[in-house]
Amino acid sequence: MTIRQANLNDIEKIMKMYNSCVAGMIKIGIDQWDNTYPNKEIILHDIQNKTFYVITDENKIIAGINIDNKQDETYLAIDWEDKQDLFLVVHRLAVDER
């Protein structure tokens, strides 16, 4: 397995992986994601910002993740122990259902 930064040529394979992941989530009653989120535009934005990574196995994309320093507003009110704002946030972590 290899972890690498995604590129624009990966988008169709990434979306196929997300579709598989979402189908698996729905199958077990998790409705956090659907066919509107995460969508292609969001993932393209992540790739263009160089914050999206894929895990490949035998050249097949089996997982994806966005890592950046943008945190959800709900976390802004937390009195974090680390006051330096040196953090990374995981978004849209997905693994192919298969």
C-alpha atoms as a PDB file:
ATOM      1  CA  MET A   1       0.000   0.000   0.000  1.00  0.00           C
ATOM      2  CA  THR A   2       1.059   3.539  -0.745  1.00  0.00           C
ATOM      3  CA  ILE A   3      -0.085   6.909   0.588  1.00  0.00           C
ATOM      4  CA  ARG A   4       0.305   9.778  -1.843  1.00  0.00           C
ATOM      5  CA  GLN A   5      -1.095  13.187  -2.641  1.00  0.00           C
ATOM      6  CA  ALA A   6      -4.052  12.952  -5.012  1.00  0.00           C
ATOM      7  CA  ASN A   7      -4.040  14.608  -8.416  1.00  0.00           C
ATOM      8  CA  LEU A   8      -6.797  15.697 -10.788  1.00  0.00           C
ATOM      9  CA  ASN A   9      -6.430  12.504 -12.830  1.00  0.00           C
ATOM     10  CA  ASP A  10      -7.592  10.536  -9.766  1.00  0.00           C
ATOM     11  CA  ILE A  11     -10.995  12.206  -9.400  1.00  0.00           C
ATOM     12  CA  GLU A  12     -13.169   9.529 -11.048  1.00  0.00           C
ATOM     13  CA  LYS A  13     -11.515   6.741  -9.058  1.00  0.00           C
ATOM     14  CA  ILE A  14     -11.818   8.774  -5.860  1.00  0.00           C
ATOM     15  CA  MET A  15     -15.531   9.339  -6.446  1.00  0.00           C
ATOM     16  CA  LYS A  16     -16.025   5.629  -7.155  1.00  0.00           C
ATOM     17  CA  MET A  17     -14.339   4.876  -3.826  1.00  0.00           C
ATOM     18  CA  TYR A  18     -16.585   7.409  -2.040  1.00  0.00           C
ATOM     19  CA  ASN A  19     -19.694   5.922  -3.663  1.00  0.00           C
ATOM     20  CA  SER A  20     -18.676   2.502  -2.374  1.00  0.00           C
ATOM     21  CA  CYS A  21     -18.014   3.871   1.102  1.00  0.00           C
ATOM     22  CA  VAL A  22     -21.351   5.714   1.240  1.00  0.00           C
ATOM     23  CA  ALA A  23     -23.221   2.615   0.061  1.00  0.00           C
ATOM     24  CA  GLY A  24     -21.580   0.606   2.829  1.00  0.00           C
ATOM     25  CA  MET A  25     -22.468   3.221   5.429  1.00  0.00           C
ATOM     26  CA  ILE A  26     -26.101   3.360   4.323  1.00  0.00           C
ATOM     27  CA  LYS A  27     -26.263  -0.438   4.338  1.00  0.00           C
ATOM     28  CA  ILE A  28     -25.462  -0.491   8.068  1.00  0.00           C
ATOM     29  CA  GLY A  29     -27.698   2.444   8.956  1.00  0.00           C
ATOM     30  CA  ILE A  30     -25.181   5.305   8.996  1.00  0.00           C
ATOM     31  CA  ASP A  31     -26.622   8.313   7.172  1.00  0.00           C
ATOM     32  CA  GLN A  32     -23.790  10.794   7.758  1.00  0.00           C
ATOM     33  CA  TRP A  33     -23.036  10.967   4.011  1.00  0.00           C
ATOM     34  CA  ASP A  34     -25.168  10.534   0.911  1.00  0.00           C
ATOM     35  CA  ASN A  35     -24.974  11.203  -2.822  1.00  0.00           C
ATOM     36  CA  THR A  36     -24.667  14.971  -2.214  1.00  0.00           C
ATOM     37  CA  TYR A  37     -21.776  14.961   0.278  1.00  0.00           C
ATOM     38  CA  PRO A  38     -18.942  14.590  -0.191  1.00  0.00           C
ATOM     39  CA  ASN A  39     -19.338  15.592  -3.821  1.00  0.00           C
ATOM     40  CA  LYS A  40     -16.959  15.922  -6.753  1.00  0.00           C
ATOM     41  CA  GLU A  41     -16.606  19.699  -6.413  1.00  0.00           C
ATOM     42  CA  ILE A  42     -15.498  19.420  -2.781  1.00  0.00           C
ATOM     43  CA  ILE A  43     -12.941  16.728  -3.571  1.00  0.00           C
ATOM     44  CA  LEU A  44     -11.638  18.686  -6.580  1.00  0.00           C
ATOM     45  CA  HIS A  45     -11.195  21.704  -4.301  1.00  0.00           C
ATOM     46  CA  ASP A  46      -9.252  19.534  -1.835  1.00  0.00           C
ATOM     47  CA  ILE A  47      -7.029  18.204  -4.627  1.00  0.00           C
ATOM     48  CA  GLN A  48      -6.382  21.691  -5.999  1.00  0.00           C
ATOM     49  CA  ASN A  49      -5.419  22.838  -2.493  1.00  0.00           C
ATOM     50  CA  LYS A  50      -3.042  19.864  -2.244  1.00  0.00           C
ATOM     51  CA  THR A  51      -4.718  18.639   0.947  1.00  0.00           C
ATOM     52  CA  PHE A  52      -6.243  15.392  -0.352  1.00  0.00           C
ATOM     53  CA  TYR A  53      -4.395  12.097  -0.086  1.00  0.00           C
ATOM     54  CA  VAL A  54      -5.189   8.623  -1.332  1.00  0.00           C
ATOM     55  CA  ILE A  55      -4.142   5.178  -0.257  1.00  0.00           C
ATOM     56  CA  THR A  56      -3.552   2.844  -3.169  1.00  0.00           C
ATOM     57  CA  ASP A  57      -3.155  -0.908  -3.259  1.00  0.00           C
ATOM     58  CA  GLU A  58      -1.938  -2.401  -6.528  1.00  0.00           C
ATOM     59  CA  ASN A  59      -2.675   0.946  -8.225  1.00  0.00           C
ATOM     60  CA  LYS A  60      -6.301   0.924  -7.015  1.00  0.00           C
ATOM     61  CA  ILE A  61      -7.512   3.788  -4.814  1.00  0.00           C
ATOM     62  CA  ILE A  62      -8.893   2.145  -1.690  1.00  0.00           C
ATOM     63  CA  ALA A  63      -9.111   5.133   0.670  1.00  0.00           C
ATOM     64  CA  GLY A  64      -8.989   8.900   0.743  1.00  0.00           C
ATOM     65  CA  ILE A  65      -8.576  11.678   3.275  1.00  0.00           C
ATOM     66  CA  ASN A  66      -8.388  15.451   3.392  1.00  0.00           C
ATOM     67  CA  ILE A  67      -5.933  16.878   5.927  1.00  0.00           C
ATOM     68  CA  ASP A  68      -5.737  20.613   6.563  1.00  0.00           C
ATOM     69  CA  ASN A  69      -5.849  23.165   9.378  1.00  0.00           C
ATOM     70  CA  LYS A  70      -9.493  24.201   8.920  1.00  0.00           C
ATOM     71  CA  GLN A  71     -11.547  23.169  11.898  1.00  0.00           C
ATOM     72  CA  ASP A  72     -15.307  23.062  12.215  1.00  0.00           C
ATOM     73  CA  GLU A  73     -16.823  26.036  14.038  1.00  0.00           C
ATOM     74  CA  THR A  74     -18.002  23.768  16.857  1.00  0.00           C
ATOM     75  CA  TYR A  75     -14.371  23.195  17.828  1.00  0.00           C
ATOM     76  CA  LEU A  76     -13.518  26.897  18.055  1.00  0.00           C
ATOM     77  CA  ALA A  77     -15.163  27.247  21.477  1.00  0.00           C
ATOM     78  CA  ILE A  78     -13.096  24.449  23.033  1.00  0.00           C
ATOM     79  CA  ASP A  79     -10.322  25.537  25.388  1.00  0.00           C
ATOM     80  CA  TRP A  80      -7.593  23.423  23.806  1.00  0.00           C
ATOM     81  CA  GLU A  81      -4.496  22.661  25.843  1.00  0.00           C
ATOM     82  CA  ASP A  82      -2.271  23.489  22.860  1.00  0.00           C
ATOM     83  CA  LYS A  83      -2.470  27.270  22.437  1.00  0.00           C
ATOM     84  CA  GLN A  84      -0.072  27.481  19.475  1.00  0.00           C
ATOM     85  CA  ASP A  85      -2.673  26.595  16.848  1.00  0.00           C
ATOM     86  CA  LEU A  86      -0.300  24.033  15.381  1.00  0.00           C
ATOM     87  CA  PHE A  87      -2.801  21.387  14.386  1.00  0.00           C
ATOM     88  CA  LEU A  88      -4.125  19.409  11.465  1.00  0.00           C
ATOM     89  CA  VAL A  89      -7.705  18.290  11.009  1.00  0.00           C
ATOM     90  CA  VAL A  90      -8.927  15.120   9.301  1.00  0.00           C
ATOM     91  CA  HIS A  91     -11.891  15.555   6.948  1.00  0.00           C
ATOM     92  CA  ARG A  92     -13.756  13.149   4.682  1.00  0.00           C
ATOM     93  CA  LEU A  93     -11.826  10.008   5.629  1.00  0.00           C
ATOM     94  CA  ALA A  94     -13.283   7.197   3.539  1.00  0.00           C
ATOM     95  CA  VAL A  95     -12.409   3.592   2.768  1.00  0.00           C
ATOM     96  CA  ASP A  96     -13.771   1.599  -0.153  1.00  0.00           C
ATOM     97  CA  GLU A  97     -16.424  -0.801   1.139  1.00  0.00           C
ATOM     98  CA  ARG A  98     -14.919  -3.658  -0.806  1.00  0.00           C
END
